[in-house]
Amino acid sequence: MPVLRQITTCTEPSTVVIERRVRARDRSVDYRLEVCRRHRWLASNWTGRRSAEGAGGRCGTVTDYRPYTQIVQSHAALWLVPLTTNGPEDHGGDLAAALRAGHELLTAHREPTGVAIALEHAARIAEAVTAGSLPLADGQAQVLAALSAAETLDAGARGA
């Protein structure tokens, strides 16, 4: 099932589409990112075929078809690590610990922002899944929703 993310608050129509195709049995596309001319810089770290074909959707929309683990790794590598100035560490694959560390880095010397609160919420959900008090599929969907909200809030704060 695809996951919808929004990495900008821009309401302009997209002019560029980045689509990464794969030869996997369960899907033919990893993700599809749409950005407008002004926000093309956001796509600089995204690999895939770039074209104007299919453009016109809302700027910053990502339709992600990858498995949960790959989406979370993408959030960490392309958004969370740069946001928190090269942290948090991998924490041995413990998602809750990595998210909690990101929250702590963002709140160490200032009041919590919406981004930090969403990260802390995602960490609490990941902990509940690990503890078995929340079903895996439900918890994964909620973690991705919280991360998506955090990423969109951050984009708004940066003017993207």
C-alpha atoms as a PDB file:
ATOM      1  CA  MET A   1       0.000   0.000   0.000  1.00  0.00           C
ATOM      2  CA  PRO A   2       1.522   3.361  -0.955  1.00  0.00           C
ATOM      3  CA  VAL A   3       2.325   5.955   1.681  1.00  0.00           C
ATOM      4  CA  LEU A   4       1.626   9.600   0.925  1.00  0.00           C
ATOM      5  CA  ARG A   5       4.056  12.190   2.297  1.00  0.00           C
ATOM      6  CA  GLN A   6       4.248  15.940   1.895  1.00  0.00           C
ATOM      7  CA  ILE A   7       7.739  17.474   2.086  1.00  0.00           C
ATOM      8  CA  THR A   8       6.701  21.072   1.338  1.00  0.00           C
ATOM      9  CA  THR A   9       3.838  23.342   2.302  1.00  0.00           C
ATOM     10  CA  CYS A  10       3.940  24.819  -1.208  1.00  0.00           C
ATOM     11  CA  THR A  11       0.611  24.728  -3.042  1.00  0.00           C
ATOM     12  CA  GLU A  12       2.082  25.336  -6.512  1.00  0.00           C
ATOM     13  CA  PRO A  13       1.700  22.634  -9.153  1.00  0.00           C
ATOM     14  CA  SER A  14       4.713  20.432  -9.737  1.00  0.00           C
ATOM     15  CA  THR A  15       6.864  20.932 -12.810  1.00  0.00           C
ATOM     16  CA  VAL A  16       9.337  18.098 -12.206  1.00  0.00           C
ATOM     17  CA  VAL A  17       8.660  14.473 -11.320  1.00  0.00           C
ATOM     18  CA  ILE A  18      11.347  12.201  -9.917  1.00  0.00           C
ATOM     19  CA  GLU A  19      10.359   8.561 -10.162  1.00  0.00           C
ATOM     20  CA  ARG A  20      12.544   5.661  -9.124  1.00  0.00           C
ATOM     21  CA  ARG A  21      11.588   2.477 -10.894  1.00  0.00           C
ATOM     22  CA  VAL A  22      12.606  -0.980  -9.689  1.00  0.00           C
ATOM     23  CA  ARG A  23      12.263  -4.530 -10.845  1.00  0.00           C
ATOM     24  CA  ALA A  24      10.724  -5.929  -7.711  1.00  0.00           C
ATOM     25  CA  ARG A  25       8.054  -8.592  -7.793  1.00  0.00           C
ATOM     26  CA  ASP A  26       5.682  -6.662  -5.591  1.00  0.00           C
ATOM     27  CA  ARG A  27       6.053  -3.205  -7.210  1.00  0.00           C
ATOM     28  CA  SER A  28       7.488  -1.419 -10.238  1.00  0.00           C
ATOM     29  CA  VAL A  29       8.093   1.956  -8.559  1.00  0.00           C
ATOM     30  CA  ASP A  30       9.892   2.768  -5.290  1.00  0.00           C
ATOM     31  CA  TYR A  31       8.645   6.331  -5.060  1.00  0.00           C
ATOM     32  CA  ARG A  32       7.427   9.333  -7.007  1.00  0.00           C
ATOM     33  CA  LEU A  33       8.326  12.874  -5.905  1.00  0.00           C
ATOM     34  CA  GLU A  34       6.772  15.984  -7.415  1.00  0.00           C
ATOM     35  CA  VAL A  35       8.277  19.459  -6.982  1.00  0.00           C
ATOM     36  CA  CYS A  36       7.745  22.877  -8.500  1.00  0.00           C
ATOM     37  CA  ARG A  37      10.472  24.913 -10.158  1.00  0.00           C
ATOM     38  CA  ARG A  38      11.208  26.855  -6.945  1.00  0.00           C
ATOM     39  CA  HIS A  39      11.642  23.691  -4.853  1.00  0.00           C
ATOM     40  CA  ARG A  40      13.712  21.570  -7.266  1.00  0.00           C
ATOM     41  CA  TRP A  41      16.596  21.775  -4.790  1.00  0.00           C
ATOM     42  CA  LEU A  42      14.659  19.493  -2.422  1.00  0.00           C
ATOM     43  CA  ALA A  43      14.962  16.693  -4.960  1.00  0.00           C
ATOM     44  CA  SER A  44      18.752  16.874  -5.217  1.00  0.00           C
ATOM     45  CA  ASN A  45      19.276  13.800  -3.002  1.00  0.00           C
ATOM     46  CA  TRP A  46      16.481  11.771  -4.583  1.00  0.00           C
ATOM     47  CA  THR A  47      17.576   9.338  -7.282  1.00  0.00           C
ATOM     48  CA  GLY A  48      15.469   8.359 -10.240  1.00  0.00           C
ATOM     49  CA  ARG A  49      14.269   9.477 -13.620  1.00  0.00           C
ATOM     50  CA  ARG A  50      13.511  13.199 -13.780  1.00  0.00           C
ATOM     51  CA  SER A  51      10.932  14.483 -16.221  1.00  0.00           C
ATOM     52  CA  ALA A  52       8.001  16.823 -16.623  1.00  0.00           C
ATOM     53  CA  GLU A  53       5.824  13.893 -17.673  1.00  0.00           C
ATOM     54  CA  GLY A  54       2.951  13.504 -15.225  1.00  0.00           C
ATOM     55  CA  ALA A  55       3.730  16.786 -13.463  1.00  0.00           C
ATOM     56  CA  GLY A  56       0.976  19.073 -12.265  1.00  0.00           C
ATOM     57  CA  GLY A  57       0.240  17.569  -8.860  1.00  0.00           C
ATOM     58  CA  ARG A  58       0.982  19.490  -5.673  1.00  0.00           C
ATOM     59  CA  CYS A  59       4.599  20.444  -5.043  1.00  0.00           C
ATOM     60  CA  GLY A  60       6.303  18.284  -2.429  1.00  0.00           C
ATOM     61  CA  THR A  61       4.053  15.263  -2.757  1.00  0.00           C
ATOM     62  CA  VAL A  62       5.831  11.934  -2.339  1.00  0.00           C
ATOM     63  CA  THR A  63       4.004   8.721  -3.106  1.00  0.00           C
ATOM     64  CA  ASP A  64       6.151   6.027  -1.532  1.00  0.00           C
ATOM     65  CA  TYR A  65       5.695   2.373  -2.446  1.00  0.00           C
ATOM     66  CA  ARG A  66       8.698   0.990  -0.558  1.00  0.00           C
ATOM     67  CA  PRO A  67       8.463  -1.317   2.447  1.00  0.00           C
ATOM     68  CA  TYR A  68       8.168   0.307   5.887  1.00  0.00           C
ATOM     69  CA  THR A  69      11.825  -0.207   6.827  1.00  0.00           C
ATOM     70  CA  GLN A  70      13.077   1.474   3.657  1.00  0.00           C
ATOM     71  CA  ILE A  71      10.729   4.434   4.118  1.00  0.00           C
ATOM     72  CA  VAL A  72      11.921   4.923   7.706  1.00  0.00           C
ATOM     73  CA  GLN A  73      15.567   4.677   6.585  1.00  0.00           C
ATOM     74  CA  SER A  74      14.843   7.290   3.906  1.00  0.00           C
ATOM     75  CA  HIS A  75      13.293   9.619   6.481  1.00  0.00           C
ATOM     76  CA  ALA A  76      16.364   9.220   8.649  1.00  0.00           C
ATOM     77  CA  ALA A  77      18.975   9.647   5.903  1.00  0.00           C
ATOM     78  CA  LEU A  78      17.371  12.413   3.845  1.00  0.00           C
ATOM     79  CA  TRP A  79      15.566  14.371   6.542  1.00  0.00           C
ATOM     80  CA  LEU A  80      16.194  13.523  10.213  1.00  0.00           C
ATOM     81  CA  VAL A  81      20.006  13.314  10.131  1.00  0.00           C
ATOM     82  CA  PRO A  82      20.430  16.660   8.305  1.00  0.00           C
ATOM     83  CA  LEU A  83      17.735  18.269  10.492  1.00  0.00           C
ATOM     84  CA  THR A  84      19.483  17.312  13.712  1.00  0.00           C
ATOM     85  CA  THR A  85      22.961  18.198  12.452  1.00  0.00           C
ATOM     86  CA  ASN A  86      24.214  14.715  11.697  1.00  0.00           C
ATOM     87  CA  GLY A  87      22.403  12.907  14.467  1.00  0.00           C
ATOM     88  CA  PRO A  88      20.849  10.763  15.776  1.00  0.00           C
ATOM     89  CA  GLU A  89      23.002   7.709  15.416  1.00  0.00           C
ATOM     90  CA  ASP A  90      21.644   4.432  14.087  1.00  0.00           C
ATOM     91  CA  HIS A  91      21.088   3.074  17.612  1.00  0.00           C
ATOM     92  CA  GLY A  92      21.537  -0.464  16.371  1.00  0.00           C
ATOM     93  CA  GLY A  93      18.364  -0.327  14.308  1.00  0.00           C
ATOM     94  CA  ASP A  94      16.225   0.698  17.311  1.00  0.00           C
ATOM     95  CA  LEU A  95      13.824   3.139  15.651  1.00  0.00           C
ATOM     96  CA  ALA A  96      12.308   4.361  18.910  1.00  0.00           C
ATOM     97  CA  ALA A  97      15.761   5.179  20.324  1.00  0.00           C
ATOM     98  CA  ALA A  98      16.794   7.026  17.149  1.00  0.00           C
ATOM     99  CA  LEU A  99      13.575   9.060  17.139  1.00  0.00           C
ATOM    100  CA  ARG A 100      13.884   9.824  20.844  1.00  0.00           C
ATOM    101  CA  ALA A 101      17.487  10.973  20.280  1.00  0.00           C
ATOM    102  CA  GLY A 102      16.281  13.234  17.455  1.00  0.00           C
ATOM    103  CA  HIS A 103      13.663  14.706  19.794  1.00  0.00           C
ATOM    104  CA  GLU A 104      16.280  15.296  22.486  1.00  0.00           C
ATOM    105  CA  LEU A 105      18.650  16.983  20.025  1.00  0.00           C
ATOM    106  CA  LEU A 106      15.886  19.310  18.848  1.00  0.00           C
ATOM    107  CA  THR A 107      14.775  20.220  22.370  1.00  0.00           C
ATOM    108  CA  ALA A 108      18.138  20.330  24.162  1.00  0.00           C
ATOM    109  CA  HIS A 109      18.345  24.114  24.254  1.00  0.00           C
ATOM    110  CA  ARG A 110      14.874  25.317  23.260  1.00  0.00           C
ATOM    111  CA  GLU A 111      11.174  24.740  23.701  1.00  0.00           C
ATOM    112  CA  PRO A 112       9.700  21.836  21.721  1.00  0.00           C
ATOM    113  CA  THR A 113       8.470  22.711  18.240  1.00  0.00           C
ATOM    114  CA  GLY A 114       5.782  20.851  16.342  1.00  0.00           C
ATOM    115  CA  VAL A 115       8.551  18.911  14.625  1.00  0.00           C
ATOM    116  CA  ALA A 116      10.049  17.782  17.942  1.00  0.00           C
ATOM    117  CA  ILE A 117       6.635  16.885  19.342  1.00  0.00           C
ATOM    118  CA  ALA A 118       5.818  14.794  16.259  1.00  0.00           C
ATOM    119  CA  LEU A 119       9.181  12.983  16.568  1.00  0.00           C
ATOM    120  CA  GLU A 120       8.519  12.248  20.227  1.00  0.00           C
ATOM    121  CA  HIS A 121       5.063  10.953  19.296  1.00  0.00           C
ATOM    122  CA  ALA A 122       6.584   8.680  16.627  1.00  0.00           C
ATOM    123  CA  ALA A 123       9.088   7.398  19.216  1.00  0.00           C
ATOM    124  CA  ARG A 124       6.284   6.590  21.682  1.00  0.00           C
ATOM    125  CA  ILE A 125       4.382   4.696  18.974  1.00  0.00           C
ATOM    126  CA  ALA A 126       7.517   2.731  18.002  1.00  0.00           C
ATOM    127  CA  GLU A 127       8.024   1.849  21.673  1.00  0.00           C
ATOM    128  CA  ALA A 128       4.408   0.647  21.942  1.00  0.00           C
ATOM    129  CA  VAL A 129       4.879  -1.595  18.897  1.00  0.00           C
ATOM    130  CA  THR A 130       8.091  -3.030  20.356  1.00  0.00           C
ATOM    131  CA  ALA A 131       6.347  -3.652  23.688  1.00  0.00           C
ATOM    132  CA  GLY A 132       3.510  -5.435  21.898  1.00  0.00           C
ATOM    133  CA  SER A 133       0.805  -3.048  23.103  1.00  0.00           C
ATOM    134  CA  LEU A 134       0.084  -1.855  19.557  1.00  0.00           C
ATOM    135  CA  PRO A 135      -0.318  -4.139  16.533  1.00  0.00           C
ATOM    136  CA  LEU A 136       2.622  -3.992  14.126  1.00  0.00           C
ATOM    137  CA  ALA A 137       0.742  -2.812  11.008  1.00  0.00           C
ATOM    138  CA  ASP A 138      -1.203  -0.165  12.926  1.00  0.00           C
ATOM    139  CA  GLY A 139       1.930   1.057  14.675  1.00  0.00           C
ATOM    140  CA  GLN A 140       3.924   1.258  11.457  1.00  0.00           C
ATOM    141  CA  ALA A 141       1.162   3.293   9.794  1.00  0.00           C
ATOM    142  CA  GLN A 142       1.052   5.640  12.788  1.00  0.00           C
ATOM    143  CA  VAL A 143       4.843   6.043  12.873  1.00  0.00           C
ATOM    144  CA  LEU A 144       4.874   6.937   9.183  1.00  0.00           C
ATOM    145  CA  ALA A 145       2.019   9.419   9.689  1.00  0.00           C
ATOM    146  CA  ALA A 146       3.848  11.090  12.593  1.00  0.00           C
ATOM    147  CA  LEU A 147       7.100  11.264  10.604  1.00  0.00           C
ATOM    148  CA  SER A 148       5.251  12.701   7.632  1.00  0.00           C
ATOM    149  CA  ALA A 149       3.644  15.363   9.844  1.00  0.00           C
ATOM    150  CA  ALA A 150       7.046  16.219  11.338  1.00  0.00           C
ATOM    151  CA  GLU A 151       8.623  16.502   7.898  1.00  0.00           C
ATOM    152  CA  THR A 152       5.812  18.748   6.626  1.00  0.00           C
ATOM    153  CA  LEU A 153       6.005  20.962   9.740  1.00  0.00           C
ATOM    154  CA  ASP A 154       9.742  21.283   9.235  1.00  0.00           C
ATOM    155  CA  ALA A 155       9.242  22.201   5.580  1.00  0.00           C
ATOM    156  CA  GLY A 156       6.839  24.957   6.612  1.00  0.00           C
ATOM    157  CA  ALA A 157       9.292  26.305   9.178  1.00  0.00           C
ATOM    158  CA  ARG A 158      12.015  26.407   6.494  1.00  0.00           C
ATOM    159  CA  GLY A 159       9.742  28.125   4.017  1.00  0.00           C
ATOM    160  CA  ALA A 160       9.608  25.155   1.669  1.00  0.00           C
END
